[in-house]
Amino acid sequence: MQWSLNRGFDKTNIGDSQSQVIAYLGIPASKTGTGEPFPRVTGAGCELPCVVRFWYENRLFLDFEAWSVDLDLNSHVVDKYHWVSP
């Protein structure tokens, strides 16, 4: 699973559509909105122009590993992150 998420994450580019993100990474495990934290990973939510953040998690990792993709009002990628515990 991790290798497929890494591969899909690498394919994802700023400006891609929501449907492209789902084609590359699949249906997100979770979604958060502007300013809404994802406590397992971060206490900070995405900020405008992000209106929704898609979350993909590696549940096999001992602490946490997650990938997030930020989408704007037009459902296009404005940012992406790979989160790993220290």
PDB file of N, CA and C in Angstrom:
ATOM      1  N   MET A   1       0.815  -1.193   0.000  1.00  0.00           N
ATOM      2  CA  MET A   1       0.000   0.000   0.000  1.00  0.00           C
ATOM      3  C   MET A   1       0.861   1.260   0.000  1.00  0.00           C
ATOM      4  N   GLN A   2       1.908   1.271   0.837  1.00  0.00           N
ATOM      5  CA  GLN A   2       2.744   2.470   0.919  1.00  0.00           C
ATOM      6  C   GLN A   2       3.364   2.803  -0.433  1.00  0.00           C
ATOM      7  N   TRP A   3       3.860   1.798  -1.135  1.00  0.00           N
ATOM      8  CA  TRP A   3       4.504   2.087  -2.420  1.00  0.00           C
ATOM      9  C   TRP A   3       3.504   2.660  -3.419  1.00  0.00           C
ATOM     10  N   SER A   4       2.239   2.180  -3.375  1.00  0.00           N
ATOM     11  CA  SER A   4       1.258   2.712  -4.315  1.00  0.00           C
ATOM     12  C   SER A   4       0.859   4.142  -3.943  1.00  0.00           C
ATOM     13  N   LEU A   5       0.808   4.448  -2.641  1.00  0.00           N
ATOM     14  CA  LEU A   5       0.527   5.824  -2.227  1.00  0.00           C
ATOM     15  C   LEU A   5       1.682   6.743  -2.602  1.00  0.00           C
ATOM     16  N   ASN A   6       2.912   6.292  -2.389  1.00  0.00           N
ATOM     17  CA  ASN A   6       4.074   7.098  -2.790  1.00  0.00           C
ATOM     18  C   ASN A   6       4.057   7.352  -4.289  1.00  0.00           C
ATOM     19  N   ARG A   7       3.765   6.324  -5.046  1.00  0.00           N
ATOM     20  CA  ARG A   7       3.741   6.448  -6.512  1.00  0.00           C
ATOM     21  C   ARG A   7       2.641   7.416  -6.959  1.00  0.00           C
ATOM     22  N   GLY A   8       1.442   7.258  -6.403  1.00  0.00           N
ATOM     23  CA  GLY A   8       0.336   8.149  -6.744  1.00  0.00           C
ATOM     24  C   GLY A   8       0.599   9.575  -6.301  1.00  0.00           C
ATOM     25  N   PHE A   9       1.209   9.727  -5.124  1.00  0.00           N
ATOM     26  CA  PHE A   9       1.548  11.050  -4.609  1.00  0.00           C
ATOM     27  C   PHE A   9       2.557  11.728  -5.534  1.00  0.00           C
ATOM     28  N   ASP A  10       3.549  10.980  -6.003  1.00  0.00           N
ATOM     29  CA  ASP A  10       4.549  11.534  -6.915  1.00  0.00           C
ATOM     30  C   ASP A  10       3.931  11.976  -8.241  1.00  0.00           C
ATOM     31  N   LYS A  11       2.896  11.275  -8.694  1.00  0.00           N
ATOM     32  CA  LYS A  11       2.217  11.637  -9.949  1.00  0.00           C
ATOM     33  C   LYS A  11       1.350  12.889  -9.806  1.00  0.00           C
ATOM     34  N   THR A  12       0.907  13.172  -8.579  1.00  0.00           N
ATOM     35  CA  THR A  12       0.000  14.280  -8.329  1.00  0.00           C
ATOM     36  C   THR A  12       0.735  15.607  -8.436  1.00  0.00           C
ATOM     37  N   ASN A  13       0.183  16.532  -9.206  1.00  0.00           N
ATOM     38  CA  ASN A  13       0.804  17.837  -9.433  1.00  0.00           C
ATOM     39  C   ASN A  13      -0.156  18.970  -9.085  1.00  0.00           C
ATOM     40  N   ILE A  14       0.417  20.117  -8.760  1.00  0.00           N
ATOM     41  CA  ILE A  14      -0.377  21.321  -8.547  1.00  0.00           C
ATOM     42  C   ILE A  14      -1.189  21.567  -9.820  1.00  0.00           C
ATOM     43  N   GLY A  15      -2.473  21.854  -9.644  1.00  0.00           N
ATOM     44  CA  GLY A  15      -3.355  22.096 -10.785  1.00  0.00           C
ATOM     45  C   GLY A  15      -4.151  20.881 -11.232  1.00  0.00           C
ATOM     46  N   ASP A  16      -3.758  19.672 -10.773  1.00  0.00           N
ATOM     47  CA  ASP A  16      -4.525  18.475 -11.125  1.00  0.00           C
ATOM     48  C   ASP A  16      -5.945  18.580 -10.566  1.00  0.00           C
ATOM     49  N   SER A  17      -6.876  17.915 -11.217  1.00  0.00           N
ATOM     50  CA  SER A  17      -8.263  17.912 -10.758  1.00  0.00           C
ATOM     51  C   SER A  17      -8.470  16.875  -9.657  1.00  0.00           C
ATOM     52  N   GLN A  18      -9.574  17.035  -8.950  1.00  0.00           N
ATOM     53  CA  GLN A  18      -9.931  16.068  -7.911  1.00  0.00           C
ATOM     54  C   GLN A  18     -10.029  14.663  -8.492  1.00  0.00           C
ATOM     55  N   SER A  19     -10.592  14.530  -9.675  1.00  0.00           N
ATOM     56  CA  SER A  19     -10.730  13.201 -10.284  1.00  0.00           C
ATOM     57  C   SER A  19      -9.364  12.597 -10.603  1.00  0.00           C
ATOM     58  N   GLN A  20      -8.385  13.416 -10.980  1.00  0.00           N
ATOM     59  CA  GLN A  20      -7.034  12.906 -11.209  1.00  0.00           C
ATOM     60  C   GLN A  20      -6.423  12.420  -9.899  1.00  0.00           C
ATOM     61  N   VAL A  21      -6.616  13.169  -8.821  1.00  0.00           N
ATOM     62  CA  VAL A  21      -6.092  12.769  -7.515  1.00  0.00           C
ATOM     63  C   VAL A  21      -6.670  11.406  -7.128  1.00  0.00           C
ATOM     64  N   ILE A  22      -7.962  11.241  -7.281  1.00  0.00           N
ATOM     65  CA  ILE A  22      -8.601   9.973  -6.931  1.00  0.00           C
ATOM     66  C   ILE A  22      -8.119   8.853  -7.841  1.00  0.00           C
ATOM     67  N   ALA A  23      -7.871   9.150  -9.102  1.00  0.00           N
ATOM     68  CA  ALA A  23      -7.334   8.131 -10.008  1.00  0.00           C
ATOM     69  C   ALA A  23      -5.936   7.698  -9.574  1.00  0.00           C
ATOM     70  N   TYR A  24      -5.121   8.626  -9.107  1.00  0.00           N
ATOM     71  CA  TYR A  24      -3.754   8.321  -8.688  1.00  0.00           C
ATOM     72  C   TYR A  24      -3.691   7.664  -7.309  1.00  0.00           C
ATOM     73  N   LEU A  25      -4.504   8.160  -6.358  1.00  0.00           N
ATOM     74  CA  LEU A  25      -4.366   7.754  -4.956  1.00  0.00           C
ATOM     75  C   LEU A  25      -5.550   6.954  -4.410  1.00  0.00           C
ATOM     76  N   GLY A  26      -6.661   6.984  -5.109  1.00  0.00           N
ATOM     77  CA  GLY A  26      -7.853   6.299  -4.616  1.00  0.00           C
ATOM     78  C   GLY A  26      -8.724   7.243  -3.792  1.00  0.00           C
ATOM     79  N   ILE A  27      -9.784   6.683  -3.238  1.00  0.00           N
ATOM     80  CA  ILE A  27     -10.689   7.454  -2.382  1.00  0.00           C
ATOM     81  C   ILE A  27      -9.946   7.768  -1.086  1.00  0.00           C
ATOM     82  N   PRO A  28      -9.969   9.024  -0.643  1.00  0.00           N
ATOM     83  CA  PRO A  28      -9.251   9.366   0.589  1.00  0.00           C
ATOM     84  C   PRO A  28      -9.852   8.677   1.814  1.00  0.00           C
ATOM     85  N   ALA A  29      -8.986   8.352   2.773  1.00  0.00           N
ATOM     86  CA  ALA A  29      -9.438   7.747   4.025  1.00  0.00           C
ATOM     87  C   ALA A  29     -10.257   8.745   4.832  1.00  0.00           C
ATOM     88  N   SER A  30      -9.886  10.029   4.738  1.00  0.00           N
ATOM     89  CA  SER A  30     -10.571  11.101   5.464  1.00  0.00           C
ATOM     90  C   SER A  30     -10.478  12.386   4.665  1.00  0.00           C
ATOM     91  N   LYS A  31     -11.351  13.335   5.028  1.00  0.00           N
ATOM     92  CA  LYS A  31     -11.319  14.672   4.433  1.00  0.00           C
ATOM     93  C   LYS A  31     -11.486  15.683   5.559  1.00  0.00           C
ATOM     94  N   THR A  32     -10.757  16.786   5.468  1.00  0.00           N
ATOM     95  CA  THR A  32     -10.945  17.885   6.410  1.00  0.00           C
ATOM     96  C   THR A  32     -11.099  19.175   5.613  1.00  0.00           C
ATOM     97  N   GLY A  33     -11.737  20.158   6.230  1.00  0.00           N
ATOM     98  CA  GLY A  33     -11.962  21.436   5.572  1.00  0.00           C
ATOM     99  C   GLY A  33     -10.983  22.495   6.047  1.00  0.00           C
ATOM    100  N   THR A  34     -11.138  23.697   5.519  1.00  0.00           N
ATOM    101  CA  THR A  34     -10.288  24.833   5.880  1.00  0.00           C
ATOM    102  C   THR A  34     -10.286  25.014   7.391  1.00  0.00           C
ATOM    103  N   GLY A  35      -9.082  25.049   7.978  1.00  0.00           N
ATOM    104  CA  GLY A  35      -8.934  25.279   9.401  1.00  0.00           C
ATOM    105  C   GLY A  35      -9.251  24.092  10.288  1.00  0.00           C
ATOM    106  N   GLU A  36      -9.692  22.996   9.717  1.00  0.00           N
ATOM    107  CA  GLU A  36     -10.068  21.817  10.497  1.00  0.00           C
ATOM    108  C   GLU A  36      -8.847  20.904  10.670  1.00  0.00           C
ATOM    109  N   PRO A  37      -8.391  20.679  11.910  1.00  0.00           N
ATOM    110  CA  PRO A  37      -7.215  19.841  12.129  1.00  0.00           C
ATOM    111  C   PRO A  37      -7.497  18.361  11.883  1.00  0.00           C
ATOM    112  N   PHE A  38      -6.448  17.607  11.694  1.00  0.00           N
ATOM    113  CA  PHE A  38      -6.510  16.151  11.595  1.00  0.00           C
ATOM    114  C   PHE A  38      -5.650  15.642  12.744  1.00  0.00           C
ATOM    115  N   PRO A  39      -6.237  15.465  13.929  1.00  0.00           N
ATOM    116  CA  PRO A  39      -5.478  15.272  15.162  1.00  0.00           C
ATOM    117  C   PRO A  39      -4.437  14.164  15.151  1.00  0.00           C
ATOM    118  N   ARG A  40      -4.652  13.094  14.408  1.00  0.00           N
ATOM    119  CA  ARG A  40      -3.646  12.018  14.380  1.00  0.00           C
ATOM    120  C   ARG A  40      -2.350  12.466  13.733  1.00  0.00           C
ATOM    121  N   VAL A  41      -2.420  13.525  12.923  1.00  0.00           N
ATOM    122  CA  VAL A  41      -1.243  13.960  12.172  1.00  0.00           C
ATOM    123  C   VAL A  41      -0.829  15.384  12.519  1.00  0.00           C
ATOM    124  N   THR A  42      -1.770  16.324  12.508  1.00  0.00           N
ATOM    125  CA  THR A  42      -1.437  17.726  12.749  1.00  0.00           C
ATOM    126  C   THR A  42      -2.602  18.460  13.417  1.00  0.00           C
ATOM    127  N   GLY A  43      -2.264  19.419  14.233  1.00  0.00           N
ATOM    128  CA  GLY A  43      -3.285  20.231  14.881  1.00  0.00           C
ATOM    129  C   GLY A  43      -3.703  21.421  14.047  1.00  0.00           C
ATOM    130  N   ALA A  44      -3.058  21.611  12.913  1.00  0.00           N
ATOM    131  CA  ALA A  44      -3.359  22.745  12.040  1.00  0.00           C
ATOM    132  C   ALA A  44      -4.125  22.263  10.809  1.00  0.00           C
ATOM    133  N   GLY A  45      -5.130  23.013  10.438  1.00  0.00           N
ATOM    134  CA  GLY A  45      -5.873  22.691   9.232  1.00  0.00           C
ATOM    135  C   GLY A  45      -5.296  23.405   8.028  1.00  0.00           C
ATOM    136  N   CYS A  46      -5.804  23.070   6.865  1.00  0.00           N
ATOM    137  CA  CYS A  46      -5.336  23.761   5.669  1.00  0.00           C
ATOM    138  C   CYS A  46      -5.873  25.190   5.662  1.00  0.00           C
ATOM    139  N   GLU A  47      -5.199  26.045   4.930  1.00  0.00           N
ATOM    140  CA  GLU A  47      -5.574  27.456   4.849  1.00  0.00           C
ATOM    141  C   GLU A  47      -5.908  27.811   3.404  1.00  0.00           C
ATOM    142  N   LEU A  48      -6.780  28.807   3.247  1.00  0.00           N
ATOM    143  CA  LEU A  48      -7.146  29.261   1.908  1.00  0.00           C
ATOM    144  C   LEU A  48      -5.901  29.506   1.071  1.00  0.00           C
ATOM    145  N   PRO A  49      -5.884  29.110  -0.161  1.00  0.00           N
ATOM    146  CA  PRO A  49      -7.016  28.753  -1.012  1.00  0.00           C
ATOM    147  C   PRO A  49      -7.525  27.319  -0.828  1.00  0.00           C
ATOM    148  N   CYS A  50      -6.941  26.536   0.062  1.00  0.00           N
ATOM    149  CA  CYS A  50      -7.429  25.183   0.323  1.00  0.00           C
ATOM    150  C   CYS A  50      -8.810  25.234   0.971  1.00  0.00           C
ATOM    151  N   VAL A  51      -9.740  24.447   0.433  1.00  0.00           N
ATOM    152  CA  VAL A  51     -11.057  24.333   1.049  1.00  0.00           C
ATOM    153  C   VAL A  51     -11.326  22.909   1.533  1.00  0.00           C
ATOM    154  N   VAL A  52     -10.586  21.958   1.015  1.00  0.00           N
ATOM    155  CA  VAL A  52     -10.689  20.571   1.490  1.00  0.00           C
ATOM    156  C   VAL A  52      -9.322  19.909   1.371  1.00  0.00           C
ATOM    157  N   ARG A  53      -8.995  19.112   2.376  1.00  0.00           N
ATOM    158  CA  ARG A  53      -7.740  18.351   2.372  1.00  0.00           C
ATOM    159  C   ARG A  53      -8.092  16.874   2.381  1.00  0.00           C
ATOM    160  N   PHE A  54      -7.600  16.146   1.386  1.00  0.00           N
ATOM    161  CA  PHE A  54      -7.756  14.696   1.320  1.00  0.00           C
ATOM    162  C   PHE A  54      -6.618  14.062   2.108  1.00  0.00           C
ATOM    163  N   TRP A  55      -6.951  13.040   2.907  1.00  0.00           N
ATOM    164  CA  TRP A  55      -5.961  12.336   3.718  1.00  0.00           C
ATOM    165  C   TRP A  55      -5.867  10.873   3.303  1.00  0.00           C
ATOM    166  N   TYR A  56      -4.623  10.400   3.178  1.00  0.00           N
ATOM    167  CA  TYR A  56      -4.320   8.999   2.902  1.00  0.00           C
ATOM    168  C   TYR A  56      -3.315   8.566   3.958  1.00  0.00           C
ATOM    169  N   GLU A  57      -3.580   7.455   4.643  1.00  0.00           N
ATOM    170  CA  GLU A  57      -2.726   7.038   5.745  1.00  0.00           C
ATOM    171  C   GLU A  57      -2.107   5.666   5.521  1.00  0.00           C
ATOM    172  N   ASN A  58      -0.898   5.504   6.041  1.00  0.00           N
ATOM    173  CA  ASN A  58      -0.239   4.212   6.114  1.00  0.00           C
ATOM    174  C   ASN A  58      -0.473   3.702   7.531  1.00  0.00           C
ATOM    175  N   ARG A  59      -1.443   2.857   7.704  1.00  0.00           N
ATOM    176  CA  ARG A  59      -1.804   2.364   9.042  1.00  0.00           C
ATOM    177  C   ARG A  59      -0.815   1.322   9.563  1.00  0.00           C
ATOM    178  N   LEU A  60       0.100   0.858   8.732  1.00  0.00           N
ATOM    179  CA  LEU A  60       1.075  -0.136   9.161  1.00  0.00           C
ATOM    180  C   LEU A  60       2.310   0.497   9.788  1.00  0.00           C
ATOM    181  N   PHE A  61       2.477   1.786   9.625  1.00  0.00           N
ATOM    182  CA  PHE A  61       3.625   2.510  10.159  1.00  0.00           C
ATOM    183  C   PHE A  61       3.479   2.607  11.676  1.00  0.00           C
ATOM    184  N   LEU A  62       4.569   2.442  12.424  1.00  0.00           N
ATOM    185  CA  LEU A  62       4.502   2.412  13.888  1.00  0.00           C
ATOM    186  C   LEU A  62       3.939   3.693  14.490  1.00  0.00           C
ATOM    187  N   ASP A  63       4.419   4.843  14.095  1.00  0.00           N
ATOM    188  CA  ASP A  63       3.885   6.097  14.617  1.00  0.00           C
ATOM    189  C   ASP A  63       2.824   6.608  13.645  1.00  0.00           C
ATOM    190  N   PHE A  64       3.231   7.409  12.672  1.00  0.00           N
ATOM    191  CA  PHE A  64       2.285   7.760  11.632  1.00  0.00           C
ATOM    192  C   PHE A  64       3.022   8.144  10.359  1.00  0.00           C
ATOM    193  N   GLU A  65       2.360   7.867   9.279  1.00  0.00           N
ATOM    194  CA  GLU A  65       2.775   8.309   7.958  1.00  0.00           C
ATOM    195  C   GLU A  65       1.484   8.594   7.207  1.00  0.00           C
ATOM    196  N   ALA A  66       1.431   9.757   6.601  1.00  0.00           N
ATOM    197  CA  ALA A  66       0.226  10.141   5.864  1.00  0.00           C
ATOM    198  C   ALA A  66       0.610  11.034   4.694  1.00  0.00           C
ATOM    199  N   TRP A  67      -0.280  11.069   3.729  1.00  0.00           N
ATOM    200  CA  TRP A  67      -0.147  11.936   2.575  1.00  0.00           C
ATOM    201  C   TRP A  67      -1.403  12.787   2.528  1.00  0.00           C
ATOM    202  N   SER A  68      -1.252  14.072   2.253  1.00  0.00           N
ATOM    203  CA  SER A  68      -2.422  14.934   2.120  1.00  0.00           C
ATOM    204  C   SER A  68      -2.339  15.710   0.824  1.00  0.00           C
ATOM    205  N   VAL A  69      -3.507  15.981   0.274  1.00  0.00           N
ATOM    206  CA  VAL A  69      -3.622  16.758  -0.958  1.00  0.00           C
ATOM    207  C   VAL A  69      -4.668  17.845  -0.704  1.00  0.00           C
ATOM    208  N   ASP A  70      -4.266  19.105  -0.895  1.00  0.00           N
ATOM    209  CA  ASP A  70      -5.152  20.254  -0.689  1.00  0.00           C
ATOM    210  C   ASP A  70      -5.808  20.657  -2.002  1.00  0.00           C
ATOM    211  N   LEU A  71      -7.128  20.825  -1.947  1.00  0.00           N
ATOM    212  CA  LEU A  71      -7.895  21.224  -3.131  1.00  0.00           C
ATOM    213  C   LEU A  71      -8.551  22.579  -2.898  1.00  0.00           C
ATOM    214  N   ASP A  72      -8.644  23.359  -3.966  1.00  0.00           N
ATOM    215  CA  ASP A  72      -9.261  24.680  -3.865  1.00  0.00           C
ATOM    216  C   ASP A  72     -10.756  24.616  -4.167  1.00  0.00           C
ATOM    217  N   LEU A  73     -11.387  25.766  -4.236  1.00  0.00           N
ATOM    218  CA  LEU A  73     -12.824  25.885  -4.485  1.00  0.00           C
ATOM    219  C   LEU A  73     -13.230  25.249  -5.810  1.00  0.00           C
ATOM    220  N   ASN A  74     -12.303  25.202  -6.767  1.00  0.00           N
ATOM    221  CA  ASN A  74     -12.577  24.605  -8.078  1.00  0.00           C
ATOM    222  C   ASN A  74     -12.163  23.140  -8.148  1.00  0.00           C
ATOM    223  N   SER A  75     -11.827  22.554  -6.996  1.00  0.00           N
ATOM    224  CA  SER A  75     -11.429  21.139  -6.888  1.00  0.00           C
ATOM    225  C   SER A  75     -10.152  20.818  -7.654  1.00  0.00           C
ATOM    226  N   HIS A  76      -9.196  21.758  -7.585  1.00  0.00           N
ATOM    227  CA  HIS A  76      -7.881  21.530  -8.173  1.00  0.00           C
ATOM    228  C   HIS A  76      -6.818  21.570  -7.072  1.00  0.00           C
ATOM    229  N   VAL A  77      -5.761  20.799  -7.257  1.00  0.00           N
ATOM    230  CA  VAL A  77      -4.691  20.696  -6.261  1.00  0.00           C
ATOM    231  C   VAL A  77      -3.958  22.028  -6.132  1.00  0.00           C
ATOM    232  N   VAL A  78      -3.840  22.489  -4.889  1.00  0.00           N
ATOM    233  CA  VAL A  78      -3.076  23.710  -4.605  1.00  0.00           C
ATOM    234  C   VAL A  78      -1.828  23.407  -3.769  1.00  0.00           C
ATOM    235  N   ASP A  79      -1.784  22.223  -3.145  1.00  0.00           N
ATOM    236  CA  ASP A  79      -0.604  21.829  -2.371  1.00  0.00           C
ATOM    237  C   ASP A  79      -0.717  20.358  -2.015  1.00  0.00           C
ATOM    238  N   LYS A  80       0.390  19.772  -1.594  1.00  0.00           N
ATOM    239  CA  LYS A  80       0.390  18.382  -1.147  1.00  0.00           C
ATOM    240  C   LYS A  80       1.527  18.205  -0.147  1.00  0.00           C
ATOM    241  N   TYR A  81       1.356  17.243   0.762  1.00  0.00           N
ATOM    242  CA  TYR A  81       2.344  16.999   1.813  1.00  0.00           C
ATOM    243  C   TYR A  81       2.498  15.505   2.072  1.00  0.00           C
ATOM    244  N   HIS A  82       3.702  15.124   2.454  1.00  0.00           N
ATOM    245  CA  HIS A  82       3.962  13.769   2.947  1.00  0.00           C
ATOM    246  C   HIS A  82       4.359  13.936   4.412  1.00  0.00           C
ATOM    247  N   TRP A  83       3.562  13.411   5.318  1.00  0.00           N
ATOM    248  CA  TRP A  83       3.751  13.579   6.754  1.00  0.00           C
ATOM    249  C   TRP A  83       4.360  12.301   7.332  1.00  0.00           C
ATOM    250  N   VAL A  84       5.441  12.437   8.087  1.00  0.00           N
ATOM    251  CA  VAL A  84       6.080  11.287   8.740  1.00  0.00           C
ATOM    252  C   VAL A  84       6.455  11.696  10.147  1.00  0.00           C
ATOM    253  N   SER A  85       6.201  10.807  11.092  1.00  0.00           N
ATOM    254  CA  SER A  85       6.574  11.124  12.475  1.00  0.00           C
ATOM    255  C   SER A  85       8.090  11.162  12.601  1.00  0.00           C
ATOM    256  N   PRO A  86       8.577  11.992  13.516  1.00  0.00           N
ATOM    257  CA  PRO A  86      10.035  12.123  13.676  1.00  0.00           C
ATOM    258  C   PRO A  86      10.683  10.871  14.209  1.00  0.00           C
TER     259      PRO A  86
END
